[in-house]
């Protein structure tokens, strides 16, 4: 059993964990999340060490190796698990950024047509994917008696997307100062659209470089290298088995997958 004092000590090293958990929509308390991560890291390190013990002869011949690997793997597993909220936050940010412009425009159209802000938020909470969840949270807080400014401010503070924060911030400022919400929202959405156009242009420039590098490293070099290797093996009378070719094909496929993942990760999640 993990002592609460040890968990509290670990929690001091992660001061932003409570906020990260809320932004990631994980309902665990920081202490409970750390406790789960410690247990999962212990199981993962033990399992991996046992696998290495049976697969690698060096582990069986020298018991100091698995004993040394156990804490290292456990520590790395713990750090990985503690960063899962940040990974979920980045994923939610990309999802929200893809929809935020259309969700904001929908909210703007509803208000320009004469619908009150609260009714517009209710309609938006039923429309746009992951953004609708944030609108629904605002509506639920307002229904529980929270002032509309405070409800929107809470949603802004614990939001994964900076673009969506701008939309909510303009609404809050307009409500507090008495300025027309539609004018401020229209200006913010125009700014977000401009930023997304810039992101697309920057992605195009980066993509040209990546494609050139991909053609050289993943297409030209492997094909020429494999051809020269086969010719050299023929002159040197080296035996090339299907296993060797299978290993080469595996690494080429891995290289292709790496480039595909890189291009996908670089792609801006925007819809104009």
Protein backbone atom coordinates (compact mmCIF):
# COMPACT_ATOMS: atom_id res chain seq x y z
CA UNK A 1 0.00 0.00 0.00
CA UNK A 2 1.21 3.47 -0.86
CA UNK A 3 1.34 5.84 2.07
CA UNK A 4 -0.53 9.10 1.71
CA UNK A 5 2.55 11.03 2.84
CA UNK A 6 4.59 9.59 -0.05
CA UNK A 7 1.83 10.44 -2.51
CA UNK A 8 1.62 13.99 -1.13
CA UNK A 9 5.39 14.32 -1.52
CA UNK A 10 5.19 13.22 -5.15
CA UNK A 11 2.32 15.61 -5.76
CA UNK A 12 4.59 18.55 -4.89
CA UNK A 13 6.69 17.76 -7.96
CA UNK A 14 3.61 18.18 -10.19
CA UNK A 15 2.10 21.52 -9.12
CA UNK A 16 0.01 21.89 -12.31
CA UNK A 17 -1.43 18.39 -12.20
CA UNK A 18 -4.81 19.43 -10.77
CA UNK A 19 -5.34 21.99 -13.53
CA UNK A 20 -4.07 19.61 -16.24
CA UNK A 21 -6.46 16.89 -15.09
CA UNK A 22 -9.41 19.27 -15.27
CA UNK A 23 -8.44 20.55 -18.71
CA UNK A 24 -8.02 16.96 -19.93
CA UNK A 25 -11.46 16.14 -18.45
CA UNK A 26 -10.03 13.48 -16.16
CA UNK A 27 -12.08 13.32 -13.00
CA UNK A 28 -9.38 11.88 -10.72
CA UNK A 29 -7.90 13.94 -7.94
CA UNK A 30 -4.13 14.54 -8.21
CA UNK A 31 -3.33 12.15 -5.35
CA UNK A 32 -5.52 9.40 -6.82
CA UNK A 33 -4.01 9.89 -10.28
CA UNK A 34 -0.46 9.71 -8.91
CA UNK A 35 -1.32 6.55 -6.97
CA UNK A 36 -2.72 4.91 -10.10
CA UNK A 37 0.35 5.93 -12.09
CA UNK A 38 2.74 4.52 -9.49
CA UNK A 39 0.90 1.19 -9.44
CA UNK A 40 0.69 0.99 -13.23
CA UNK A 41 4.39 1.88 -13.58
CA UNK A 42 5.30 -0.85 -11.09
CA UNK A 43 3.30 -3.45 -13.01
CA UNK A 44 4.71 -2.31 -16.36
CA UNK A 45 8.32 -2.40 -15.14
CA UNK A 46 7.87 -5.83 -13.57
CA UNK A 47 6.25 -7.23 -16.72
CA UNK A 48 8.91 -5.80 -19.03
CA UNK A 49 11.72 -7.04 -16.79
CA UNK A 50 10.26 -10.56 -16.77
CA UNK A 51 9.94 -10.50 -20.57
CA UNK A 52 13.56 -9.38 -20.94
CA UNK A 53 14.65 -12.07 -18.47
CA UNK A 54 13.20 -14.81 -20.65
CA UNK A 55 14.16 -13.31 -24.02
CA UNK A 56 17.71 -12.07 -23.41
CA UNK A 57 20.40 -14.56 -22.35
CA UNK A 58 22.37 -11.78 -20.64
CA UNK A 59 19.51 -11.24 -18.22
CA UNK A 60 19.50 -14.89 -17.21
CA UNK A 61 23.25 -15.11 -16.81
CA UNK A 62 23.58 -11.95 -14.76
CA UNK A 63 20.80 -11.25 -12.25
CA UNK A 64 22.15 -7.75 -11.64
CA UNK A 65 20.89 -6.63 -15.05
CA UNK A 66 17.16 -7.22 -14.38
CA UNK A 67 17.59 -5.82 -10.88
CA UNK A 68 19.08 -2.64 -12.34
CA UNK A 69 16.53 -2.45 -15.16
CA UNK A 70 13.53 -2.72 -12.84
CA UNK A 71 13.80 0.77 -11.21
CA UNK A 72 14.86 2.43 -14.47
CA UNK A 73 11.89 1.04 -16.39
CA UNK A 74 9.61 1.85 -13.47
CA UNK A 75 10.77 5.48 -13.34
CA UNK A 76 10.42 5.97 -17.11
CA UNK A 77 6.96 4.36 -17.05
CA UNK A 78 5.89 6.64 -14.21
CA UNK A 79 7.07 9.76 -16.05
CA UNK A 80 5.25 8.61 -19.19
CA UNK A 81 2.00 7.99 -17.32
CA UNK A 82 2.21 11.33 -15.53
CA UNK A 83 2.42 13.07 -18.91
CA UNK A 84 -0.70 11.39 -20.30
CA UNK A 85 -2.91 14.39 -19.30
CA UNK A 86 -0.70 16.67 -21.40
CA UNK A 87 -1.08 14.32 -24.35
CA UNK A 88 -4.85 14.33 -23.93
CA UNK A 89 -4.83 18.13 -23.68
CA UNK A 90 -2.92 18.43 -26.96
CA UNK A 91 -5.33 16.03 -28.62
CA UNK A 92 -8.35 18.00 -27.36
CA UNK A 93 -6.71 21.24 -28.49
CA UNK A 94 -6.35 19.95 -32.06
CA UNK A 95 -9.96 18.72 -32.05
CA UNK A 96 -11.30 22.03 -30.73
CA UNK A 97 -9.19 24.12 -33.13
CA UNK A 98 -10.72 22.19 -36.02
CA UNK A 99 -14.24 23.24 -35.00
CA UNK A 100 -13.83 26.50 -33.10
CA UNK A 101 -14.28 28.80 -36.09
CA UNK A 102 -17.56 27.23 -37.22
CA UNK A 103 -18.82 26.94 -33.65
CA UNK A 104 -18.09 30.65 -33.08
CA UNK A 105 -19.74 31.59 -36.36
CA UNK A 106 -22.80 29.57 -35.45
CA UNK A 107 -22.98 31.40 -32.11
CA UNK A 108 -22.58 34.73 -33.91
CA UNK A 109 -25.34 33.98 -36.43
CA UNK A 110 -27.73 33.00 -33.66
CA UNK A 111 -27.10 36.24 -31.74
CA UNK A 112 -27.28 38.42 -34.86
CA UNK A 113 -30.66 36.88 -35.64
CA UNK A 114 -31.95 38.19 -32.30
CA UNK A 115 -31.45 35.15 -30.08
CA UNK A 116 -30.24 35.96 -26.51
CA UNK A 117 -26.75 34.81 -25.55
CA UNK A 118 -28.03 32.10 -23.22
CA UNK A 119 -30.36 30.64 -25.85
CA UNK A 120 -27.54 30.78 -28.39
CA UNK A 121 -25.30 28.84 -26.00
CA UNK A 122 -28.03 26.22 -25.57
CA UNK A 123 -28.32 25.80 -29.34
CA UNK A 124 -24.53 25.66 -29.75
CA UNK A 125 -24.31 22.97 -27.06
CA UNK A 126 -26.34 20.69 -29.33
CA UNK A 127 -24.41 21.28 -32.57
CA UNK A 128 -20.62 21.23 -32.79
CA UNK A 129 -18.79 18.08 -31.62
CA UNK A 130 -16.30 18.61 -28.84
CA UNK A 131 -17.01 22.36 -28.68
CA UNK A 132 -20.61 21.53 -27.81
CA UNK A 133 -19.38 19.86 -24.62
CA UNK A 134 -17.87 23.14 -23.42
CA UNK A 135 -21.00 25.06 -24.34
CA UNK A 136 -23.06 22.47 -22.47
CA UNK A 137 -20.86 22.86 -19.38
CA UNK A 138 -21.49 26.61 -19.49
CA UNK A 139 -25.24 26.06 -19.83
CA UNK A 140 -25.26 23.54 -16.97
CA UNK A 141 -23.40 25.95 -14.65
CA UNK A 142 -25.78 28.77 -15.52
CA UNK A 143 -28.76 26.50 -14.81
CA UNK A 144 -27.23 25.75 -11.39
CA UNK A 145 -27.26 29.44 -10.52
CA UNK A 146 -23.75 30.52 -11.58
CA UNK A 147 -23.71 33.99 -13.20
CA UNK A 148 -23.22 33.76 -16.96
CA UNK A 149 -19.96 35.75 -16.82
CA UNK A 150 -18.47 33.41 -14.22
CA UNK A 151 -19.63 30.29 -16.08
CA UNK A 152 -17.99 31.44 -19.32
CA UNK A 153 -14.85 32.50 -17.45
CA UNK A 154 -14.57 29.05 -15.84
CA UNK A 155 -14.91 27.40 -19.26
CA UNK A 156 -12.24 29.72 -20.64
CA UNK A 157 -9.78 29.07 -17.81
CA UNK A 158 -9.95 25.28 -18.12
CA UNK A 159 -9.95 25.06 -21.90
CA UNK A 160 -7.33 23.29 -23.99
CA UNK A 161 -7.54 25.61 -27.02
CA UNK A 162 -6.12 29.11 -27.07
CA UNK A 163 -8.39 29.98 -30.00
CA UNK A 164 -11.50 28.93 -28.10
CA UNK A 165 -10.25 30.89 -25.09
CA UNK A 166 -10.17 34.03 -27.27
CA UNK A 167 -13.80 33.51 -28.26
CA UNK A 168 -14.92 33.03 -24.67
CA UNK A 169 -12.76 35.90 -23.42
CA UNK A 170 -14.35 38.36 -25.84
CA UNK A 171 -17.79 37.27 -24.69
CA UNK A 172 -16.82 37.76 -21.02
CA UNK A 173 -15.30 41.19 -21.66
CA UNK A 174 -18.34 42.28 -23.64
CA UNK A 175 -20.70 41.17 -20.88
CA UNK A 176 -18.68 42.94 -18.19
CA UNK A 177 -18.26 46.20 -20.12
CA UNK A 178 -21.68 46.26 -21.74
CA UNK A 179 -20.29 46.26 -25.28
CA UNK A 180 -22.24 44.51 -28.02
CA UNK A 181 -21.17 40.85 -27.94
CA UNK A 182 -21.63 40.33 -31.68
CA UNK A 183 -19.16 43.04 -32.68
CA UNK A 184 -16.42 41.72 -30.39
CA UNK A 185 -17.10 38.12 -31.44
CA UNK A 186 -17.05 39.01 -35.13
CA UNK A 187 -13.64 40.67 -34.74
CA UNK A 188 -12.23 37.67 -32.83
CA UNK A 189 -13.48 35.16 -35.40
CA UNK A 190 -11.93 37.21 -38.18
CA UNK A 191 -8.61 37.16 -36.33
CA UNK A 192 -8.84 33.37 -35.81
CA UNK A 193 -9.57 32.84 -39.51
CA UNK A 194 -6.50 34.91 -40.41
CA UNK A 195 -4.35 32.88 -38.02
CA UNK A 196 -5.59 29.63 -39.54
CA UNK A 197 -4.77 30.85 -43.06
CA UNK A 198 -1.24 31.67 -41.87
CA UNK A 199 -0.95 28.19 -40.32
CA UNK A 200 -1.97 26.60 -43.62
CA UNK A 201 0.62 28.64 -45.56
CA UNK A 202 3.35 27.73 -43.05
CA UNK A 203 2.34 24.08 -43.29
CA UNK A 204 2.66 24.24 -47.07
CA UNK A 205 6.22 25.60 -46.78
CA UNK A 206 7.21 22.93 -44.26
CA UNK A 207 5.57 20.23 -46.35
CA UNK A 208 7.69 21.09 -49.39
CA UNK A 209 10.87 20.55 -47.37
CA UNK A 210 9.58 17.35 -45.78
CA UNK A 211 8.53 15.91 -49.16
CA UNK A 212 11.96 16.67 -50.63
CA UNK A 213 13.67 15.02 -47.67
CA UNK A 214 11.26 12.09 -47.93
CA UNK A 215 12.00 11.55 -51.62
CA UNK A 216 15.74 11.44 -50.93
CA UNK A 217 15.81 9.41 -47.71
CA UNK A 218 12.81 7.10 -48.15
CA UNK A 219 12.73 6.61 -51.94
CA UNK A 220 15.99 7.37 -53.76
CA UNK A 221 18.52 6.19 -51.17
CA UNK A 222 16.79 2.86 -50.33
CA UNK A 223 16.24 1.93 -53.98
CA UNK A 224 19.80 2.83 -55.07
CA UNK A 225 21.30 1.40 -51.89
CA UNK A 226 19.46 -1.91 -52.23
CA UNK A 227 20.44 -2.18 -55.90
CA UNK A 228 24.10 -1.52 -55.15
CA UNK A 229 23.98 -3.94 -52.23
CA UNK A 230 22.61 -6.75 -54.42
CA UNK A 231 25.21 -6.06 -57.12
CA UNK A 232 28.03 -5.99 -54.54
CA UNK A 233 26.71 -9.19 -52.93
CA UNK A 234 26.79 -10.87 -56.36
CA UNK A 235 30.43 -9.90 -56.92
CA UNK A 236 31.46 -10.94 -53.40
CA UNK A 237 29.34 -14.11 -53.62
CA UNK A 238 27.45 -13.25 -50.44
CA UNK A 239 24.38 -15.30 -49.65
CA UNK A 240 21.23 -13.15 -49.38
CA UNK A 241 18.34 -15.04 -47.85
CA UNK A 242 14.69 -14.13 -47.65
CA UNK A 243 15.26 -13.24 -44.00
CA UNK A 244 17.70 -10.49 -44.95
CA UNK A 245 15.26 -9.10 -47.50
CA UNK A 246 12.44 -9.31 -44.98
CA UNK A 247 14.46 -7.30 -42.44
CA UNK A 248 15.24 -4.66 -45.08
CA UNK A 249 11.59 -4.42 -46.10
CA UNK A 250 10.57 -4.12 -42.45
CA UNK A 251 12.88 -1.16 -41.83
CA UNK A 252 11.78 0.49 -45.09
CA UNK A 253 8.15 0.13 -44.04
CA UNK A 254 9.04 1.56 -40.63
CA UNK A 255 10.70 4.52 -42.33
CA UNK A 256 7.63 5.12 -44.49
CA UNK A 257 5.38 4.95 -41.45
CA UNK A 258 7.59 7.44 -39.61
CA UNK A 259 7.31 9.98 -42.43
CA UNK A 260 3.54 9.49 -42.67
CA UNK A 261 3.17 10.06 -38.92
CA UNK A 262 5.38 13.15 -39.11
CA UNK A 263 3.35 14.69 -41.92
CA UNK A 264 0.10 13.90 -40.12
CA UNK A 265 1.35 15.42 -36.87
CA UNK A 266 2.44 18.62 -38.66
CA UNK A 267 -0.91 19.11 -40.37
CA UNK A 268 -2.79 22.04 -38.80
CA UNK A 269 -6.25 21.11 -37.55
CA UNK A 270 -8.12 23.96 -39.18
CA UNK A 271 -11.28 24.39 -41.19
CA UNK A 272 -11.81 27.74 -42.90
